[in-house]
Amino acid sequence: MRTTVGIIGAGPAGLLLARLLHNAGIDSVVLEARDRAYVEHRQRAGILEQGTVDVLRAAGAGERMDREGLRHDGIELRYDRKRHRVDFPALTGGRSVMVYAQTEVCKDLIALQLKEGGPLLFEAEALAVEGADSDRPTVRFRHEGREDVLECDYVVGCDGFWGVARKAVPEELVRVFERTYPFGWLGILADVPPSHDELVYARHDRGFALLSMRSPSVSRLYLQVPEGADAESWSDDEIWDELERRFETEDGWALERGPITQKSVTPMRSYVHEPMRHGRLFLAGDAAHIVPPTGAKGLNLAVGDVVTFARALTHQRDTGSAELLDAYSETCLRRVWQAERFSYDMTTLLHRSPDATPFEDRLQIARLERIATSAAAETDLAEGYTGFPFQ
């Protein structure tokens, strides 16, 4: 097989990249190790930044998102039983976010790719990227019981942290920056309408809690739990009781309970791999960086990466200049590190470390009070949450 761009991974990054390239008249092949059902049902992110929303619309993938997604113009912060709403449009010149699950983004992009785009091969396991520093890199992969080779002009690894793409970068060229947090998130899906019409981020002495949603009838909620906690060790009643404690307010706000349909624990970590390019291999999304989910940045960072690559490749085709391709890693990393900073700030603002001192507890409250009383501090949060510009 031969193509211009070989894309490893059919998550939102790989699928969106294929769509952007198709719209630009550049051919690609997408290899995905899992089957279609798995890709369309794995639960991941659910908050789309303004820039991501704009890109999906411009790519022709926004029709169902605009019909079924939930536009959110703010979030609510809770601490010391107080409530403070952050108004995004008022602070950012009209920007907002969209609640639309990653699963739905993937369904939309898969449908478009199969209808209009180039080859999308499910159950095609990438085994290795070879010749990344040559003019003709290849991807060895296994599909339908046999090994094959995809010859490319460029390879983009959208295959996540455990994928093969990053392994093709020589270790002596790599710098890794990471932090592991001593807690995780116990997440649940529940068949009950959300108890608030916007996301609620709660700081409590017992730990962080987040009220989110997947639809008007399905709630998504999270509890901070110790690192390595087992989701099944929590009964449904224990989860709801703890959520009620952490969301408690002075005005008697009530949390609605319902049947819990899914439980899982997500570890919390920050990770950046530099560089994000080696020769004609480009890394995107979780293959290059991971953020704790507090800032809702993971999916949106991946979108920023593939937008940057698609623009750079189109620029080279149209002008003959490789300037933007050569700057890919540097360009992406500027945005990545701002997102890492924002996610770290949100995480340390709202989560209580196991060994936190009274001094650190009071500092968290002081930081939250600053956001609630300072337009400058509140604007910084709103700008970060709604997204940093794609470059």
Protein backbone atom coordinates (compact mmCIF):
# COMPACT_ATOMS: atom_id res chain seq x y z
CA MET A 1 0.00 0.00 0.00
CA ARG A 2 1.13 3.56 -0.68
CA THR A 3 -0.18 6.93 0.51
CA THR A 4 0.93 10.46 1.26
CA VAL A 5 0.15 10.38 4.98
CA GLY A 6 -0.03 7.21 7.03
CA ILE A 7 -2.10 7.80 10.16
CA ILE A 8 -1.78 5.38 13.06
CA GLY A 9 -4.83 5.43 15.29
CA ALA A 10 -8.51 6.15 14.64
CA GLY A 11 -9.26 8.16 17.73
CA PRO A 12 -10.51 11.72 17.30
CA ALA A 13 -7.03 13.00 16.36
CA GLY A 14 -6.37 10.47 13.61
CA LEU A 15 -9.90 10.65 12.24
CA LEU A 16 -9.97 14.45 12.22
CA LEU A 17 -6.57 14.59 10.55
CA ALA A 18 -7.81 12.27 7.80
CA ARG A 19 -10.81 14.56 7.32
CA LEU A 20 -8.70 17.73 7.19
CA LEU A 21 -6.34 16.16 4.67
CA HIS A 22 -9.24 14.90 2.55
CA ASN A 23 -10.71 18.40 2.45
CA ALA A 24 -7.30 19.74 1.38
CA GLY A 25 -6.99 17.15 -1.40
CA ILE A 26 -4.24 15.12 0.32
CA ASP A 27 -4.62 11.36 0.48
CA SER A 28 -4.15 9.29 3.64
CA VAL A 29 -4.65 5.82 5.09
CA VAL A 30 -5.79 5.30 8.69
CA LEU A 31 -4.75 2.17 10.61
CA GLU A 32 -6.66 1.33 13.78
CA ALA A 33 -5.80 -1.67 15.96
CA ARG A 34 -9.29 -2.04 17.45
CA ASP A 35 -12.60 -2.78 15.79
CA ARG A 36 -15.13 -0.10 14.89
CA ALA A 37 -17.47 -0.88 17.80
CA TYR A 38 -14.67 -0.39 20.32
CA VAL A 39 -13.64 2.96 18.86
CA GLU A 40 -17.21 4.21 18.81
CA HIS A 41 -17.95 3.25 22.41
CA ARG A 42 -14.81 3.84 24.50
CA GLN A 43 -15.61 6.53 27.05
CA ARG A 44 -13.16 9.40 27.09
CA ALA A 45 -13.38 13.19 27.06
CA GLY A 46 -16.57 15.17 26.75
CA ILE A 47 -15.66 18.88 26.71
CA LEU A 48 -14.84 20.58 23.40
CA GLU A 49 -13.11 23.95 23.43
CA GLN A 50 -14.34 26.76 21.21
CA GLY A 51 -11.48 26.13 18.77
CA THR A 52 -12.30 22.42 18.51
CA VAL A 53 -15.95 23.21 17.87
CA ASP A 54 -14.97 25.66 15.13
CA VAL A 55 -12.63 23.14 13.48
CA LEU A 56 -15.25 20.36 13.46
CA ARG A 57 -17.80 22.71 11.90
CA ALA A 58 -15.35 23.90 9.25
CA ALA A 59 -14.42 20.27 8.47
CA GLY A 60 -18.06 19.37 7.83
CA ALA A 61 -18.31 17.27 10.99
CA GLY A 62 -20.38 19.59 13.16
CA GLU A 63 -23.98 18.96 12.11
CA ARG A 64 -24.93 16.42 14.79
CA MET A 65 -22.71 18.15 17.37
CA ASP A 66 -24.66 21.37 16.87
CA ARG A 67 -27.94 19.50 17.06
CA GLU A 68 -27.26 17.26 20.06
CA GLY A 69 -24.32 18.85 21.87
CA LEU A 70 -24.80 21.07 24.90
CA ARG A 71 -23.27 24.54 24.66
CA HIS A 72 -21.96 25.70 28.04
CA ASP A 73 -21.27 29.34 28.76
CA GLY A 74 -19.63 28.80 32.14
CA ILE A 75 -18.70 26.54 35.02
CA GLU A 76 -19.42 26.71 38.72
CA LEU A 77 -16.73 26.58 41.41
CA ARG A 78 -17.67 25.36 44.89
CA TYR A 79 -15.65 25.68 48.09
CA ASP A 80 -16.54 26.18 51.75
CA ARG A 81 -20.16 25.51 50.72
CA LYS A 82 -20.03 28.64 48.52
CA ARG A 83 -20.90 28.83 44.82
CA HIS A 84 -19.26 31.02 42.18
CA ARG A 85 -20.11 30.96 38.47
CA VAL A 86 -17.44 31.79 35.87
CA ASP A 87 -19.12 33.42 32.84
CA PHE A 88 -17.07 32.46 29.77
CA PRO A 89 -18.57 34.70 27.06
CA ALA A 90 -18.46 37.79 29.29
CA LEU A 91 -14.78 37.20 30.10
CA THR A 92 -13.48 35.98 26.74
CA GLY A 93 -15.34 37.97 24.12
CA GLY A 94 -18.01 35.38 23.44
CA ARG A 95 -16.16 32.06 23.69
CA SER A 96 -17.83 28.97 25.16
CA VAL A 97 -17.40 25.19 25.27
CA MET A 98 -19.49 22.28 24.03
CA VAL A 99 -20.40 19.13 25.95
CA TYR A 100 -20.23 16.43 23.28
CA ALA A 101 -18.67 13.09 24.06
CA GLN A 102 -15.54 11.83 22.29
CA THR A 103 -17.48 8.72 21.32
CA GLU A 104 -19.89 10.89 19.34
CA VAL A 105 -17.07 12.83 17.67
CA CYS A 106 -15.57 9.52 16.56
CA LYS A 107 -18.89 8.23 15.22
CA ASP A 108 -19.35 11.39 13.14
CA LEU A 109 -15.80 11.32 11.74
CA ILE A 110 -15.88 7.57 11.02
CA ALA A 111 -19.11 7.96 9.06
CA LEU A 112 -17.60 10.78 7.00
CA GLN A 113 -14.35 8.89 6.38
CA LEU A 114 -16.11 5.74 5.22
CA LYS A 115 -18.44 7.74 2.97
CA GLU A 116 -16.01 10.24 1.45
CA GLY A 117 -12.43 9.70 2.63
CA GLY A 118 -9.55 7.37 2.03
CA PRO A 119 -9.00 3.88 3.47
CA LEU A 120 -9.83 3.38 7.16
CA LEU A 121 -8.71 -0.06 8.27
CA PHE A 122 -10.02 -1.40 11.57
CA GLU A 123 -8.29 -4.29 13.32
CA ALA A 124 -5.08 -3.20 11.58
CA GLU A 125 -2.40 -3.33 14.25
CA ALA A 126 0.63 -1.13 13.62
CA LEU A 127 3.77 -3.10 14.50
CA ALA A 128 6.52 -0.54 13.84
CA VAL A 129 7.39 2.69 12.09
CA GLU A 130 10.54 2.25 10.03
CA GLY A 131 12.72 4.72 8.17
CA ALA A 132 11.29 7.75 9.95
CA ASP A 133 14.39 9.76 9.05
CA SER A 134 14.21 8.80 5.37
CA ASP A 135 12.15 10.22 2.50
CA ARG A 136 9.92 7.14 2.45
CA PRO A 137 8.96 6.05 5.96
CA THR A 138 6.89 2.88 6.27
CA VAL A 139 4.46 1.40 8.76
CA ARG A 140 4.51 -2.36 9.24
CA PHE A 141 1.08 -3.58 10.30
CA ARG A 142 -0.97 -6.74 10.69
CA HIS A 143 -4.43 -6.90 9.10
CA GLU A 144 -6.72 -9.85 8.42
CA GLY A 145 -4.12 -12.29 9.65
CA ARG A 146 -1.17 -11.17 7.55
CA GLU A 147 1.57 -8.58 7.74
CA ASP A 148 1.68 -5.73 5.27
CA VAL A 149 3.62 -2.51 4.73
CA LEU A 150 2.22 0.99 4.25
CA GLU A 151 4.63 3.22 2.34
CA CYS A 152 4.22 6.92 3.11
CA ASP A 153 5.64 10.35 2.55
CA TYR A 154 4.78 11.16 6.17
CA VAL A 155 3.61 9.19 9.21
CA VAL A 156 1.51 10.72 11.97
CA GLY A 157 1.31 8.76 15.22
CA CYS A 158 -2.11 9.30 16.81
CA ASP A 159 -1.88 5.95 18.56
CA GLY A 160 -1.84 7.03 22.20
CA PHE A 161 0.66 6.60 24.99
CA TRP A 162 1.07 2.85 24.46
CA GLY A 163 1.35 2.99 20.68
CA VAL A 164 4.35 2.18 18.50
CA ALA A 165 4.91 5.57 16.87
CA ARG A 166 6.77 7.21 19.73
CA LYS A 167 9.13 4.22 19.95
CA ALA A 168 10.52 5.13 16.53
CA VAL A 169 12.14 8.28 17.95
CA PRO A 170 15.73 7.46 19.02
CA GLU A 171 16.06 7.56 22.81
CA GLU A 172 19.12 9.79 22.68
CA LEU A 173 17.01 12.54 21.07
CA VAL A 174 14.18 12.38 23.59
CA ARG A 175 13.44 14.46 26.67
CA VAL A 176 10.54 13.37 28.88
CA PHE A 177 8.81 15.52 31.47
CA GLU A 178 6.25 13.93 33.76
CA ARG A 179 4.46 14.10 37.08
CA THR A 180 2.29 11.45 38.72
CA TYR A 181 -0.35 12.60 41.18
CA PRO A 182 -1.07 10.68 44.42
CA PHE A 183 -4.78 10.38 43.67
CA GLY A 184 -7.17 9.39 40.89
CA TRP A 185 -10.73 9.96 39.75
CA LEU A 186 -13.54 7.53 40.43
CA GLY A 187 -15.88 8.25 37.52
CA ILE A 188 -19.45 7.12 37.11
CA LEU A 189 -22.12 7.26 34.43
CA ALA A 190 -25.64 7.45 35.83
CA ASP A 191 -29.06 7.36 34.19
CA VAL A 192 -30.29 10.55 35.82
CA PRO A 193 -30.63 14.11 34.46
CA PRO A 194 -27.74 16.37 35.54
CA SER A 195 -28.40 18.17 38.80
CA HIS A 196 -27.01 21.41 37.39
CA ASP A 197 -27.07 22.83 33.88
CA GLU A 198 -23.30 23.52 33.83
CA LEU A 199 -20.24 21.68 35.11
CA VAL A 200 -19.55 22.02 38.83
CA TYR A 201 -15.96 21.84 40.16
CA ALA A 202 -15.95 21.34 43.93
CA ARG A 203 -13.02 21.70 46.33
CA HIS A 204 -13.70 19.96 49.65
CA ASP A 205 -11.59 18.91 52.62
CA ARG A 206 -12.52 15.30 51.78
CA GLY A 207 -11.33 15.73 48.18
CA PHE A 208 -12.36 17.03 44.79
CA ALA A 209 -15.67 16.29 43.03
CA LEU A 210 -16.91 17.11 39.53
CA LEU A 211 -20.46 17.18 38.23
CA SER A 212 -20.61 16.76 34.47
CA MET A 213 -22.96 15.21 31.94
CA ARG A 214 -23.14 13.30 28.68
CA SER A 215 -26.67 14.31 27.69
CA PRO A 216 -29.81 15.86 29.23
CA SER A 217 -30.62 12.43 30.67
CA VAL A 218 -27.17 11.01 31.53
CA SER A 219 -24.90 12.37 34.28
CA ARG A 220 -21.13 11.95 34.47
CA LEU A 221 -19.66 12.49 37.94
CA TYR A 222 -16.24 12.11 39.51
CA LEU A 223 -14.73 11.76 42.98
CA GLN A 224 -11.12 12.18 43.99
CA VAL A 225 -9.94 8.85 45.41
CA PRO A 226 -6.54 7.54 46.57
CA GLU A 227 -4.12 6.41 43.90
CA GLY A 228 -4.75 2.78 42.94
CA ALA A 229 -8.30 2.70 44.33
CA ASP A 230 -10.65 -0.04 43.09
CA ALA A 231 -13.91 1.28 41.62
CA GLU A 232 -15.80 -1.87 42.60
CA SER A 233 -14.90 -1.38 46.27
CA TRP A 234 -17.35 1.55 46.32
CA SER A 235 -21.03 0.72 46.56
CA ASP A 236 -23.49 2.89 44.66
CA ASP A 237 -24.87 4.36 47.88
CA GLU A 238 -21.38 5.18 49.14
CA ILE A 239 -20.61 7.04 45.91
CA TRP A 240 -23.81 9.10 46.03
CA ASP A 241 -23.34 9.85 49.75
CA GLU A 242 -19.80 11.09 49.15
CA LEU A 243 -20.84 13.18 46.15
CA GLU A 244 -23.55 14.82 48.25
CA ARG A 245 -21.03 15.71 50.97
CA ARG A 246 -18.55 17.28 48.56
CA PHE A 247 -21.15 19.25 46.58
CA GLU A 248 -22.95 20.58 49.67
CA THR A 249 -23.84 24.29 49.55
CA GLU A 250 -25.22 26.93 51.89
CA ASP A 251 -28.40 27.35 49.84
CA GLY A 252 -29.57 23.75 50.10
CA TRP A 253 -28.82 22.68 46.52
CA ALA A 254 -29.74 19.00 46.02
CA LEU A 255 -27.98 16.26 44.07
CA GLU A 256 -30.33 13.93 42.18
CA ARG A 257 -29.52 10.22 42.39
CA GLY A 258 -30.08 7.54 39.78
CA PRO A 259 -28.92 4.11 38.60
CA ILE A 260 -25.14 3.93 38.10
CA THR A 261 -24.36 2.16 34.83
CA GLN A 262 -20.57 2.38 34.78
CA LYS A 263 -17.71 2.85 37.27
CA SER A 264 -14.00 3.28 36.59
CA VAL A 265 -10.91 4.85 38.13
CA THR A 266 -8.68 7.16 36.08
CA PRO A 267 -5.09 7.78 37.22
CA MET A 268 -3.83 11.35 37.19
CA ARG A 269 -0.60 12.25 35.46
CA SER A 270 1.15 14.89 33.39
CA TYR A 271 3.50 13.84 30.58
CA VAL A 272 5.30 15.59 27.72
CA HIS A 273 7.55 13.96 25.12
CA GLU A 274 9.95 16.26 23.31
CA PRO A 275 10.39 16.50 20.38
CA MET A 276 7.05 15.76 18.74
CA ARG A 277 8.73 15.16 15.38
CA HIS A 278 11.54 12.96 14.11
CA GLY A 279 12.27 13.14 10.41
CA ARG A 280 8.99 12.44 8.66
CA LEU A 281 7.32 11.02 11.76
CA PHE A 282 5.01 13.39 13.65
CA LEU A 283 3.44 12.64 17.04
CA ALA A 284 0.00 13.91 17.98
CA GLY A 285 -2.28 13.65 21.00
CA ASP A 286 -1.55 11.18 23.79
CA ALA A 287 1.40 9.79 21.84
CA ALA A 288 3.21 13.01 22.79
CA HIS A 289 1.49 14.44 25.85
CA ILE A 290 -0.96 13.64 28.64
CA VAL A 291 -2.72 16.04 30.99
CA PRO A 292 -4.77 15.37 34.12
CA PRO A 293 -8.45 15.62 33.13
CA THR A 294 -9.22 18.51 35.47
CA GLY A 295 -8.67 21.09 32.74
CA ALA A 296 -10.53 19.19 29.97
CA LYS A 297 -7.55 19.58 27.65
CA GLY A 298 -6.57 16.12 26.34
CA LEU A 299 -8.85 15.80 23.31
CA ASN A 300 -8.52 19.49 22.51
CA LEU A 301 -4.72 19.34 22.52
CA ALA A 302 -4.86 16.45 20.07
CA VAL A 303 -7.09 18.51 17.78
CA GLY A 304 -4.59 21.37 17.95
CA ASP A 305 -1.78 19.03 16.93
CA VAL A 306 -3.49 17.69 13.82
CA VAL A 307 -4.71 21.13 12.78
CA THR A 308 -1.10 22.33 12.97
CA PHE A 309 0.13 19.37 10.90
CA ALA A 310 -2.60 19.67 8.25
CA ARG A 311 -1.93 23.38 7.83
CA ALA A 312 1.82 22.81 7.59
CA LEU A 313 1.53 20.06 4.99
CA THR A 314 -0.94 22.07 2.92
CA HIS A 315 1.41 25.05 3.11
CA GLN A 316 4.28 22.94 1.83
CA ARG A 317 2.20 21.61 -1.07
CA ASP A 318 1.02 25.09 -2.05
CA THR A 319 4.26 27.01 -1.59
CA GLY A 320 7.03 24.43 -1.69
CA SER A 321 8.23 25.64 1.72
CA ALA A 322 8.78 23.15 4.56
CA GLU A 323 9.04 25.98 7.10
CA LEU A 324 5.82 25.13 8.94
CA LEU A 325 6.49 21.39 8.91
CA ASP A 326 9.97 22.01 10.32
CA ALA A 327 8.41 24.11 13.10
CA TYR A 328 5.71 21.51 13.94
CA SER A 329 7.15 20.34 17.24
CA GLU A 330 8.00 23.82 18.49
CA THR A 331 4.62 25.20 17.45
CA CYS A 332 2.65 22.41 19.12
CA LEU A 333 4.73 22.42 22.29
CA ARG A 334 3.98 26.08 22.99
CA ARG A 335 0.31 25.21 23.23
CA VAL A 336 0.98 21.91 25.00
CA TRP A 337 2.92 23.55 27.80
CA GLN A 338 0.25 26.21 28.31
CA ALA A 339 -2.32 23.43 28.57
CA GLU A 340 -0.07 21.51 30.96
CA ARG A 341 0.23 24.63 33.11
CA PHE A 342 -3.52 25.22 33.10
CA SER A 343 -4.30 21.58 33.92
CA TYR A 344 -1.73 21.56 36.72
CA ASP A 345 -3.15 24.80 38.13
CA MET A 346 -6.70 23.43 38.07
CA THR A 347 -5.60 20.15 39.63
CA THR A 348 -3.64 21.71 42.48
CA LEU A 349 -6.39 24.31 43.01
CA LEU A 350 -9.15 21.77 43.57
CA HIS A 351 -7.61 18.47 44.78
CA ARG A 352 -6.43 17.83 48.31
CA SER A 353 -3.12 16.00 48.57
CA PRO A 354 -3.00 13.11 51.05
CA ASP A 355 -0.36 14.96 53.09
CA ALA A 356 -1.82 18.45 52.76
CA THR A 357 -1.19 20.80 55.68
CA PRO A 358 -3.65 23.37 57.08
CA PHE A 359 -1.49 26.05 55.46
CA GLU A 360 -1.95 24.45 52.02
CA ASP A 361 -5.68 24.09 52.62
CA ARG A 362 -5.97 27.80 53.34
CA LEU A 363 -3.91 28.64 50.26
CA GLN A 364 -6.39 26.73 48.09
CA ILE A 365 -9.28 28.68 49.58
CA ALA A 366 -7.37 31.94 49.05
CA ARG A 367 -6.77 31.06 45.39
CA LEU A 368 -10.46 30.30 44.89
CA GLU A 369 -11.45 33.53 46.62
CA ARG A 370 -9.09 35.39 44.32
CA ILE A 371 -10.85 33.95 41.26
CA ALA A 372 -14.24 34.83 42.72
CA THR A 373 -13.27 38.45 43.48
CA SER A 374 -10.74 39.39 40.79
CA ALA A 375 -11.75 39.93 37.17
CA ALA A 376 -8.14 39.36 36.10
CA ALA A 377 -7.89 35.98 37.86
CA GLU A 378 -11.32 34.91 36.64
CA THR A 379 -10.50 35.91 33.06
CA ASP A 380 -7.28 33.89 33.15
CA LEU A 381 -9.27 30.79 34.14
CA ALA A 382 -11.95 31.43 31.50
CA GLU A 383 -9.39 31.95 28.73
CA GLY A 384 -7.57 28.77 29.66
CA TYR A 385 -10.71 26.69 29.94
CA THR A 386 -12.24 27.79 26.62
CA GLY A 387 -8.93 27.10 24.89
CA PHE A 388 -5.63 28.45 23.64
CA PRO A 389 -5.52 29.42 19.94
CA PHE A 390 -4.54 26.84 17.34
CA GLN A 391 -1.40 27.90 15.47
